[in-house]
């Protein structure tokens, strides 16, 4: 790994943390944010390990330093959705390297959004059971809104990702 690549990954991690903090819409357990963008960039540009690292380290730093919860018994559950998403996106990107067109990136972004929504719902379910605040409405009530928001974000990401990746490739080469 070159110094430019390492620097780029560090910046993507920092960007993940900042975008997690800058949440334009937050209602109960629903959060509309652009925090997945750097994870997608890392996975598409560098691969599965780097996508995982940006998702894991970025989410971990946010959880520990800025979420208001610190380190708890369920911290890793909240870190894993974006980490696993980065891993999967990187894996798919490595397999489809030559075919990363708008349609493919759109499908990857939508799949990632649905994966993160599913894993976050699972984390919320386990967290709620462990800490005694479980309610069907709280855990599952906002799923349609989360899916719709995820698809909207995936479309926005699909529009921005191809140009972003081209620009970053020029910088790191």
N, C-alpha and C. Protein backbone atom coordinates (compact mmCIF):
# COMPACT_ATOMS: atom_id res chain seq x y z
N UNK A 1 0.85 -1.18 0.00
CA UNK A 1 0.00 0.00 0.00
C UNK A 1 0.89 1.24 0.00
N UNK A 2 0.56 2.18 -0.85
CA UNK A 2 1.36 3.40 -0.94
C UNK A 2 0.94 4.41 0.13
N UNK A 3 1.78 5.40 0.31
CA UNK A 3 1.47 6.47 1.26
C UNK A 3 0.19 7.20 0.85
N UNK A 4 0.02 7.42 -0.46
CA UNK A 4 -1.18 8.10 -0.94
C UNK A 4 -2.44 7.28 -0.66
N UNK A 5 -2.33 5.97 -0.84
CA UNK A 5 -3.48 5.10 -0.56
C UNK A 5 -3.82 5.09 0.93
N UNK A 6 -2.79 5.01 1.76
CA UNK A 6 -3.00 5.02 3.21
C UNK A 6 -3.60 6.35 3.67
N UNK A 7 -3.12 7.43 3.10
CA UNK A 7 -3.65 8.76 3.42
C UNK A 7 -5.11 8.86 2.98
N UNK A 8 -5.41 8.33 1.80
CA UNK A 8 -6.78 8.36 1.29
C UNK A 8 -7.71 7.56 2.21
N UNK A 9 -7.26 6.39 2.65
CA UNK A 9 -8.07 5.58 3.57
C UNK A 9 -8.29 6.32 4.89
N UNK A 10 -7.26 6.97 5.39
CA UNK A 10 -7.39 7.74 6.64
C UNK A 10 -8.40 8.86 6.48
N UNK A 11 -8.35 9.51 5.32
CA UNK A 11 -9.31 10.60 5.06
C UNK A 11 -10.74 10.05 4.93
N UNK A 12 -10.88 8.87 4.32
CA UNK A 12 -12.21 8.26 4.22
C UNK A 12 -12.75 7.88 5.60
N UNK A 13 -11.88 7.40 6.47
CA UNK A 13 -12.30 7.09 7.84
C UNK A 13 -12.76 8.37 8.55
N UNK A 14 -11.96 9.43 8.43
CA UNK A 14 -12.34 10.71 9.05
C UNK A 14 -13.65 11.22 8.47
N UNK A 15 -13.81 11.06 7.18
CA UNK A 15 -15.04 11.49 6.51
C UNK A 15 -16.24 10.68 7.03
N UNK A 16 -16.05 9.39 7.26
CA UNK A 16 -17.11 8.53 7.80
C UNK A 16 -17.55 9.03 9.17
N UNK A 17 -16.58 9.37 10.01
CA UNK A 17 -16.90 9.87 11.35
C UNK A 17 -17.66 11.19 11.25
N UNK A 18 -17.16 12.10 10.44
CA UNK A 18 -17.79 13.42 10.32
C UNK A 18 -19.20 13.31 9.76
N UNK A 19 -19.37 12.47 8.73
CA UNK A 19 -20.71 12.31 8.14
C UNK A 19 -21.67 11.59 9.10
N UNK A 20 -21.13 10.80 10.02
CA UNK A 20 -21.98 10.18 11.05
C UNK A 20 -22.47 11.23 12.04
N UNK A 21 -21.62 12.20 12.33
CA UNK A 21 -21.98 13.27 13.27
C UNK A 21 -22.98 14.23 12.62
N UNK A 22 -22.73 14.57 11.37
CA UNK A 22 -23.57 15.54 10.66
C UNK A 22 -24.80 14.84 10.09
N UNK A 23 -25.75 14.58 10.95
CA UNK A 23 -26.97 13.89 10.56
C UNK A 23 -28.06 14.92 10.32
N UNK A 24 -28.45 15.09 9.05
CA UNK A 24 -29.47 16.11 8.76
C UNK A 24 -30.84 15.79 9.35
N UNK A 25 -31.21 14.49 9.42
CA UNK A 25 -32.52 14.10 9.94
C UNK A 25 -32.33 12.96 10.94
N UNK A 26 -32.87 13.15 12.15
CA UNK A 26 -32.80 12.12 13.18
C UNK A 26 -34.12 12.10 13.95
N UNK A 27 -34.83 10.96 13.86
CA UNK A 27 -36.10 10.78 14.55
C UNK A 27 -36.08 9.44 15.26
N UNK A 28 -36.15 9.44 16.58
CA UNK A 28 -36.10 8.23 17.37
C UNK A 28 -34.97 7.30 16.91
N UNK A 29 -35.32 6.16 16.29
CA UNK A 29 -34.28 5.23 15.86
C UNK A 29 -34.00 5.33 14.36
N UNK A 30 -34.46 6.39 13.72
CA UNK A 30 -34.22 6.62 12.29
C UNK A 30 -33.21 7.74 12.12
N UNK A 31 -32.23 7.50 11.28
CA UNK A 31 -31.18 8.48 11.04
C UNK A 31 -30.92 8.54 9.54
N UNK A 32 -31.08 9.71 8.95
CA UNK A 32 -30.79 9.92 7.53
C UNK A 32 -29.44 10.62 7.45
N UNK A 33 -28.46 9.91 6.93
CA UNK A 33 -27.10 10.43 6.92
C UNK A 33 -26.36 9.92 5.70
N UNK A 34 -25.27 10.58 5.36
CA UNK A 34 -24.46 10.18 4.21
C UNK A 34 -23.21 9.39 4.64
N UNK A 35 -23.23 8.82 5.82
CA UNK A 35 -22.06 8.15 6.38
C UNK A 35 -21.59 6.92 5.61
N UNK A 36 -22.45 6.33 4.81
CA UNK A 36 -22.05 5.13 4.06
C UNK A 36 -21.18 5.47 2.84
N UNK A 37 -21.21 6.71 2.40
CA UNK A 37 -20.49 7.09 1.17
C UNK A 37 -19.00 6.75 1.22
N UNK A 38 -18.27 7.14 2.27
CA UNK A 38 -16.84 6.79 2.30
C UNK A 38 -16.58 5.29 2.35
N UNK A 39 -17.48 4.54 2.96
CA UNK A 39 -17.34 3.09 3.02
C UNK A 39 -17.48 2.50 1.62
N UNK A 40 -18.47 2.99 0.87
CA UNK A 40 -18.66 2.55 -0.50
C UNK A 40 -17.45 2.91 -1.37
N UNK A 41 -16.95 4.12 -1.21
CA UNK A 41 -15.77 4.55 -1.97
C UNK A 41 -14.60 3.61 -1.69
N UNK A 42 -14.35 3.34 -0.43
CA UNK A 42 -13.22 2.47 -0.05
C UNK A 42 -13.39 1.07 -0.64
N UNK A 43 -14.57 0.51 -0.52
CA UNK A 43 -14.81 -0.83 -1.04
C UNK A 43 -14.68 -0.90 -2.55
N UNK A 44 -15.26 0.08 -3.24
CA UNK A 44 -15.21 0.09 -4.70
C UNK A 44 -13.81 0.39 -5.23
N UNK A 45 -13.12 1.26 -4.57
CA UNK A 45 -11.81 1.72 -5.06
C UNK A 45 -10.66 0.80 -4.66
N UNK A 46 -10.68 0.33 -3.41
CA UNK A 46 -9.54 -0.43 -2.89
C UNK A 46 -9.81 -1.92 -2.70
N UNK A 47 -11.03 -2.30 -2.32
CA UNK A 47 -11.33 -3.71 -2.12
C UNK A 47 -11.96 -4.00 -0.77
N UNK A 48 -12.12 -5.29 -0.50
CA UNK A 48 -12.88 -5.73 0.68
C UNK A 48 -12.23 -5.40 2.01
N UNK A 49 -10.93 -5.60 2.13
CA UNK A 49 -10.26 -5.32 3.41
C UNK A 49 -10.32 -3.83 3.74
N UNK A 50 -10.05 -3.00 2.76
CA UNK A 50 -10.08 -1.56 2.97
C UNK A 50 -11.49 -1.05 3.23
N UNK A 51 -12.48 -1.61 2.50
CA UNK A 51 -13.88 -1.24 2.75
C UNK A 51 -14.29 -1.60 4.17
N UNK A 52 -13.87 -2.80 4.60
CA UNK A 52 -14.15 -3.23 5.97
C UNK A 52 -13.50 -2.29 6.98
N UNK A 53 -12.22 -1.95 6.74
CA UNK A 53 -11.49 -1.09 7.69
C UNK A 53 -12.13 0.29 7.81
N UNK A 54 -12.52 0.90 6.70
CA UNK A 54 -13.15 2.22 6.76
C UNK A 54 -14.48 2.13 7.51
N UNK A 55 -15.27 1.10 7.22
CA UNK A 55 -16.54 0.92 7.92
C UNK A 55 -16.36 0.65 9.40
N UNK A 56 -15.41 -0.24 9.72
CA UNK A 56 -15.19 -0.63 11.11
C UNK A 56 -14.58 0.51 11.93
N UNK A 57 -13.46 1.03 11.49
CA UNK A 57 -12.76 2.07 12.26
C UNK A 57 -13.61 3.34 12.35
N UNK A 58 -14.21 3.74 11.23
CA UNK A 58 -15.05 4.95 11.24
C UNK A 58 -16.24 4.82 12.18
N UNK A 59 -16.92 3.67 12.11
CA UNK A 59 -18.08 3.44 12.99
C UNK A 59 -17.64 3.32 14.45
N UNK A 60 -16.52 2.64 14.69
CA UNK A 60 -16.03 2.46 16.06
C UNK A 60 -15.69 3.82 16.69
N UNK A 61 -14.96 4.66 15.95
CA UNK A 61 -14.60 5.99 16.47
C UNK A 61 -15.85 6.81 16.76
N UNK A 62 -16.82 6.76 15.85
CA UNK A 62 -18.07 7.49 16.09
C UNK A 62 -18.77 6.97 17.35
N UNK A 63 -18.90 5.65 17.46
CA UNK A 63 -19.59 5.06 18.61
C UNK A 63 -18.92 5.45 19.93
N UNK A 64 -17.61 5.36 19.98
CA UNK A 64 -16.87 5.61 21.22
C UNK A 64 -16.83 7.10 21.56
N UNK A 65 -16.60 7.93 20.56
CA UNK A 65 -16.34 9.35 20.83
C UNK A 65 -17.55 10.27 20.71
N UNK A 66 -18.51 9.94 19.83
CA UNK A 66 -19.54 10.93 19.52
C UNK A 66 -20.98 10.45 19.65
N UNK A 67 -21.22 9.16 19.82
CA UNK A 67 -22.60 8.67 19.84
C UNK A 67 -23.31 9.01 21.15
N UNK A 68 -22.53 9.25 22.19
CA UNK A 68 -23.13 9.49 23.50
C UNK A 68 -23.25 8.23 24.34
N UNK A 69 -22.90 7.07 23.77
CA UNK A 69 -23.01 5.81 24.49
C UNK A 69 -21.66 5.26 24.94
N UNK A 70 -20.58 5.70 24.33
CA UNK A 70 -19.26 5.18 24.70
C UNK A 70 -19.14 3.71 24.34
N UNK A 71 -18.34 2.99 25.10
CA UNK A 71 -18.16 1.55 24.85
C UNK A 71 -19.10 0.77 25.75
N UNK A 72 -19.98 0.00 25.15
CA UNK A 72 -20.94 -0.80 25.89
C UNK A 72 -20.86 -2.26 25.43
N UNK A 73 -21.71 -3.08 26.00
CA UNK A 73 -21.76 -4.50 25.62
C UNK A 73 -22.18 -4.69 24.17
N UNK A 74 -22.85 -3.71 23.59
CA UNK A 74 -23.36 -3.85 22.23
C UNK A 74 -22.64 -2.95 21.21
N UNK A 75 -21.58 -2.31 21.61
CA UNK A 75 -20.87 -1.41 20.69
C UNK A 75 -20.51 -2.09 19.37
N UNK A 76 -19.96 -3.29 19.45
CA UNK A 76 -19.55 -3.98 18.23
C UNK A 76 -20.74 -4.30 17.32
N UNK A 77 -21.91 -4.51 17.91
CA UNK A 77 -23.10 -4.74 17.09
C UNK A 77 -23.42 -3.51 16.24
N UNK A 78 -23.18 -2.33 16.78
CA UNK A 78 -23.46 -1.09 16.06
C UNK A 78 -22.35 -0.75 15.07
N UNK A 79 -21.18 -1.30 15.27
CA UNK A 79 -20.04 -1.05 14.38
C UNK A 79 -20.10 -1.97 13.15
N UNK A 80 -20.59 -3.17 13.34
CA UNK A 80 -20.54 -4.18 12.28
C UNK A 80 -21.33 -3.88 11.01
N UNK A 81 -22.50 -3.22 11.05
CA UNK A 81 -23.22 -3.02 9.79
C UNK A 81 -22.41 -2.34 8.68
N UNK A 82 -21.76 -1.24 8.98
CA UNK A 82 -20.98 -0.57 7.94
C UNK A 82 -19.69 -1.31 7.63
N UNK A 83 -19.12 -1.99 8.62
CA UNK A 83 -17.92 -2.78 8.37
C UNK A 83 -18.23 -3.94 7.42
N UNK A 84 -19.30 -4.65 7.68
CA UNK A 84 -19.69 -5.77 6.81
C UNK A 84 -20.09 -5.25 5.43
N UNK A 85 -20.75 -4.11 5.39
CA UNK A 85 -21.10 -3.51 4.11
C UNK A 85 -19.84 -3.21 3.29
N UNK A 86 -18.84 -2.62 3.92
CA UNK A 86 -17.58 -2.33 3.22
C UNK A 86 -16.91 -3.59 2.71
N UNK A 87 -16.96 -4.64 3.51
CA UNK A 87 -16.40 -5.94 3.12
C UNK A 87 -17.12 -6.50 1.88
N UNK A 88 -18.44 -6.50 1.93
CA UNK A 88 -19.24 -7.05 0.84
C UNK A 88 -19.10 -6.20 -0.43
N UNK A 89 -19.16 -4.88 -0.29
CA UNK A 89 -19.00 -3.99 -1.44
C UNK A 89 -17.63 -4.21 -2.08
N UNK A 90 -16.60 -4.30 -1.27
CA UNK A 90 -15.25 -4.54 -1.79
C UNK A 90 -15.14 -5.89 -2.48
N UNK A 91 -15.78 -6.90 -1.92
CA UNK A 91 -15.76 -8.23 -2.52
C UNK A 91 -16.43 -8.21 -3.89
N UNK A 92 -17.61 -7.60 -3.97
CA UNK A 92 -18.34 -7.52 -5.24
C UNK A 92 -17.53 -6.70 -6.26
N UNK A 93 -16.96 -5.59 -5.81
CA UNK A 93 -16.18 -4.73 -6.71
C UNK A 93 -14.96 -5.47 -7.26
N UNK A 94 -14.32 -6.28 -6.42
CA UNK A 94 -13.16 -7.06 -6.89
C UNK A 94 -13.58 -8.07 -7.95
N UNK A 95 -14.76 -8.66 -7.79
CA UNK A 95 -15.26 -9.65 -8.75
C UNK A 95 -15.71 -9.00 -10.06
N UNK A 96 -16.20 -7.77 -9.99
CA UNK A 96 -16.77 -7.09 -11.17
C UNK A 96 -15.93 -5.91 -11.60
N UNK A 97 -14.64 -5.95 -11.35
CA UNK A 97 -13.73 -4.81 -11.57
C UNK A 97 -13.96 -4.11 -12.91
N UNK A 98 -14.10 -4.87 -13.98
CA UNK A 98 -14.23 -4.28 -15.31
C UNK A 98 -15.64 -3.78 -15.60
N UNK A 99 -16.60 -4.13 -14.76
CA UNK A 99 -18.00 -3.80 -15.04
C UNK A 99 -18.59 -2.87 -13.99
N UNK A 100 -17.81 -1.94 -13.51
CA UNK A 100 -18.33 -1.01 -12.50
C UNK A 100 -18.94 0.20 -13.18
N UNK A 101 -20.01 -0.05 -13.92
CA UNK A 101 -20.74 1.02 -14.58
C UNK A 101 -21.83 1.55 -13.64
N UNK A 102 -22.59 2.52 -14.12
CA UNK A 102 -23.63 3.14 -13.29
C UNK A 102 -24.62 2.12 -12.76
N UNK A 103 -25.08 1.21 -13.63
CA UNK A 103 -26.07 0.20 -13.21
C UNK A 103 -25.52 -0.70 -12.11
N UNK A 104 -24.29 -1.18 -12.29
CA UNK A 104 -23.67 -2.07 -11.30
C UNK A 104 -23.45 -1.34 -9.97
N UNK A 105 -22.94 -0.12 -10.04
CA UNK A 105 -22.72 0.66 -8.82
C UNK A 105 -24.04 0.95 -8.13
N UNK A 106 -25.09 1.22 -8.91
CA UNK A 106 -26.42 1.45 -8.33
C UNK A 106 -26.91 0.22 -7.56
N UNK A 107 -26.76 -0.94 -8.18
CA UNK A 107 -27.19 -2.18 -7.54
C UNK A 107 -26.37 -2.47 -6.28
N UNK A 108 -25.06 -2.22 -6.36
CA UNK A 108 -24.20 -2.41 -5.18
C UNK A 108 -24.62 -1.47 -4.06
N UNK A 109 -24.90 -0.21 -4.40
CA UNK A 109 -25.29 0.78 -3.39
C UNK A 109 -26.63 0.42 -2.76
N UNK A 110 -27.59 -0.04 -3.58
CA UNK A 110 -28.90 -0.44 -3.04
C UNK A 110 -28.74 -1.67 -2.14
N UNK A 111 -27.97 -2.65 -2.59
CA UNK A 111 -27.73 -3.84 -1.78
C UNK A 111 -27.08 -3.46 -0.45
N UNK A 112 -26.10 -2.57 -0.51
CA UNK A 112 -25.41 -2.11 0.70
C UNK A 112 -26.38 -1.43 1.67
N UNK A 113 -27.25 -0.57 1.13
CA UNK A 113 -28.22 0.13 1.97
C UNK A 113 -29.16 -0.86 2.65
N UNK A 114 -29.62 -1.85 1.91
CA UNK A 114 -30.53 -2.85 2.50
C UNK A 114 -29.80 -3.73 3.52
N UNK A 115 -28.54 -4.04 3.24
CA UNK A 115 -27.73 -4.82 4.18
C UNK A 115 -27.53 -4.05 5.48
N UNK A 116 -27.16 -2.77 5.38
CA UNK A 116 -26.95 -1.95 6.58
C UNK A 116 -28.25 -1.80 7.36
N UNK A 117 -29.36 -1.59 6.67
CA UNK A 117 -30.66 -1.47 7.34
C UNK A 117 -30.99 -2.75 8.10
N UNK A 118 -30.78 -3.89 7.46
CA UNK A 118 -31.06 -5.18 8.10
C UNK A 118 -30.17 -5.39 9.33
N UNK A 119 -28.88 -5.13 9.17
CA UNK A 119 -27.94 -5.34 10.29
C UNK A 119 -28.17 -4.34 11.42
N UNK A 120 -28.52 -3.10 11.08
CA UNK A 120 -28.84 -2.11 12.13
C UNK A 120 -30.11 -2.50 12.88
N UNK A 121 -31.09 -3.03 12.16
CA UNK A 121 -32.33 -3.48 12.82
C UNK A 121 -32.02 -4.64 13.77
N UNK A 122 -31.18 -5.56 13.32
CA UNK A 122 -30.77 -6.68 14.18
C UNK A 122 -30.02 -6.16 15.42
N UNK A 123 -29.13 -5.19 15.21
CA UNK A 123 -28.39 -4.61 16.34
C UNK A 123 -29.36 -3.94 17.32
N UNK A 124 -30.34 -3.20 16.79
CA UNK A 124 -31.33 -2.54 17.64
C UNK A 124 -32.15 -3.58 18.42
N UNK A 125 -32.53 -4.65 17.75
CA UNK A 125 -33.29 -5.72 18.40
C UNK A 125 -32.51 -6.32 19.57
N UNK A 126 -31.25 -6.67 19.32
CA UNK A 126 -30.42 -7.28 20.38
C UNK A 126 -30.16 -6.27 21.50
N UNK A 127 -29.82 -5.03 21.12
CA UNK A 127 -29.57 -3.98 22.11
C UNK A 127 -30.80 -3.76 22.99
N UNK A 128 -31.97 -3.70 22.35
CA UNK A 128 -33.22 -3.47 23.09
C UNK A 128 -33.53 -4.62 24.03
N UNK A 129 -33.25 -5.84 23.60
CA UNK A 129 -33.49 -7.01 24.46
C UNK A 129 -32.52 -7.00 25.66
N UNK A 130 -31.24 -6.71 25.40
CA UNK A 130 -30.23 -6.70 26.46
C UNK A 130 -30.53 -5.62 27.49
N UNK A 131 -30.87 -4.42 27.02
CA UNK A 131 -31.05 -3.29 27.93
C UNK A 131 -32.50 -3.05 28.35
N UNK A 132 -33.42 -3.92 27.93
CA UNK A 132 -34.78 -3.89 28.45
C UNK A 132 -35.67 -2.79 27.91
N UNK A 133 -35.50 -2.33 26.71
CA UNK A 133 -36.39 -1.32 26.15
C UNK A 133 -37.09 -1.82 24.88
N UNK A 134 -37.15 -3.13 24.71
CA UNK A 134 -37.71 -3.70 23.48
C UNK A 134 -39.17 -3.34 23.30
N UNK A 135 -39.49 -2.98 22.08
CA UNK A 135 -40.86 -2.75 21.64
C UNK A 135 -40.89 -3.06 20.14
N UNK A 136 -41.90 -3.81 19.70
CA UNK A 136 -42.00 -4.14 18.27
C UNK A 136 -42.03 -2.87 17.42
N UNK A 137 -42.80 -1.90 17.87
CA UNK A 137 -42.93 -0.66 17.12
C UNK A 137 -41.58 0.06 17.03
N UNK A 138 -40.87 0.14 18.14
CA UNK A 138 -39.57 0.81 18.15
C UNK A 138 -38.57 0.12 17.22
N UNK A 139 -38.49 -1.19 17.32
CA UNK A 139 -37.49 -1.94 16.56
C UNK A 139 -37.88 -2.09 15.10
N UNK A 140 -39.13 -2.42 14.82
CA UNK A 140 -39.51 -2.75 13.45
C UNK A 140 -40.40 -1.71 12.76
N UNK A 141 -40.93 -0.76 13.50
CA UNK A 141 -41.89 0.20 12.95
C UNK A 141 -41.34 1.11 11.87
N UNK A 142 -40.07 1.43 11.93
CA UNK A 142 -39.52 2.38 10.96
C UNK A 142 -38.81 1.70 9.78
N UNK A 143 -38.95 0.39 9.67
CA UNK A 143 -38.27 -0.33 8.57
C UNK A 143 -38.68 0.20 7.19
N UNK A 144 -39.98 0.41 6.89
CA UNK A 144 -40.31 0.94 5.56
C UNK A 144 -39.64 2.30 5.27
N UNK A 145 -39.61 3.17 6.28
CA UNK A 145 -38.96 4.47 6.12
C UNK A 145 -37.45 4.28 5.91
N UNK A 146 -36.84 3.36 6.65
CA UNK A 146 -35.41 3.10 6.51
C UNK A 146 -35.08 2.53 5.13
N UNK A 147 -35.91 1.66 4.62
CA UNK A 147 -35.69 1.09 3.30
C UNK A 147 -35.82 2.16 2.22
N UNK A 148 -36.86 2.98 2.32
CA UNK A 148 -37.06 4.07 1.35
C UNK A 148 -35.88 5.05 1.38
N UNK A 149 -35.45 5.41 2.58
CA UNK A 149 -34.31 6.32 2.71
C UNK A 149 -33.04 5.68 2.16
N UNK A 150 -32.86 4.39 2.42
CA UNK A 150 -31.68 3.68 1.92
C UNK A 150 -31.64 3.65 0.40
N UNK A 151 -32.77 3.43 -0.23
CA UNK A 151 -32.82 3.41 -1.70
C UNK A 151 -32.58 4.81 -2.26
N UNK A 152 -33.16 5.83 -1.62
CA UNK A 152 -32.90 7.21 -2.05
C UNK A 152 -31.42 7.55 -1.94
N UNK A 153 -30.81 7.20 -0.81
CA UNK A 153 -29.37 7.43 -0.63
C UNK A 153 -28.55 6.65 -1.66
N UNK A 154 -28.95 5.42 -1.94
CA UNK A 154 -28.24 4.60 -2.92
C UNK A 154 -28.25 5.26 -4.29
N UNK A 155 -29.36 5.87 -4.67
CA UNK A 155 -29.44 6.57 -5.95
C UNK A 155 -28.50 7.77 -5.95
N UNK A 156 -28.51 8.52 -4.86
CA UNK A 156 -27.59 9.67 -4.75
C UNK A 156 -26.15 9.20 -4.82
N UNK A 157 -25.84 8.13 -4.08
CA UNK A 157 -24.48 7.59 -4.10
C UNK A 157 -24.10 7.13 -5.50
N UNK A 158 -25.01 6.45 -6.18
CA UNK A 158 -24.71 5.93 -7.52
C UNK A 158 -24.41 7.06 -8.50
N UNK A 159 -25.04 8.21 -8.29
CA UNK A 159 -24.76 9.36 -9.15
C UNK A 159 -23.39 9.97 -8.85
N UNK A 160 -23.00 9.95 -7.59
CA UNK A 160 -21.74 10.60 -7.18
C UNK A 160 -20.53 9.67 -7.22
N UNK A 161 -20.72 8.39 -7.01
CA UNK A 161 -19.58 7.47 -6.88
C UNK A 161 -18.69 7.36 -8.12
N UNK A 162 -19.23 7.18 -9.32
CA UNK A 162 -18.32 7.02 -10.47
C UNK A 162 -17.34 8.18 -10.64
N UNK A 163 -17.83 9.40 -10.54
CA UNK A 163 -16.94 10.57 -10.69
C UNK A 163 -15.97 10.68 -9.52
N UNK A 164 -16.45 10.39 -8.33
CA UNK A 164 -15.59 10.44 -7.15
C UNK A 164 -14.45 9.45 -7.26
N UNK A 165 -14.76 8.24 -7.69
CA UNK A 165 -13.74 7.20 -7.82
C UNK A 165 -12.70 7.58 -8.88
N UNK A 166 -13.16 8.12 -10.00
CA UNK A 166 -12.23 8.56 -11.05
C UNK A 166 -11.30 9.64 -10.52
N UNK A 167 -11.85 10.61 -9.79
CA UNK A 167 -11.04 11.70 -9.24
C UNK A 167 -10.00 11.17 -8.24
N UNK A 168 -10.43 10.29 -7.36
CA UNK A 168 -9.50 9.75 -6.36
C UNK A 168 -8.42 8.91 -7.02
N UNK A 169 -8.80 8.13 -8.03
CA UNK A 169 -7.80 7.33 -8.75
C UNK A 169 -6.71 8.22 -9.35
N UNK A 170 -7.10 9.37 -9.89
CA UNK A 170 -6.12 10.30 -10.46
C UNK A 170 -5.16 10.82 -9.38
N UNK A 171 -5.68 11.06 -8.21
CA UNK A 171 -4.88 11.62 -7.12
C UNK A 171 -3.90 10.60 -6.56
N UNK A 172 -4.34 9.36 -6.39
CA UNK A 172 -3.49 8.37 -5.72
C UNK A 172 -2.52 7.66 -6.65
N UNK A 173 -2.62 7.89 -7.93
CA UNK A 173 -1.67 7.23 -8.86
C UNK A 173 -0.42 8.05 -9.05
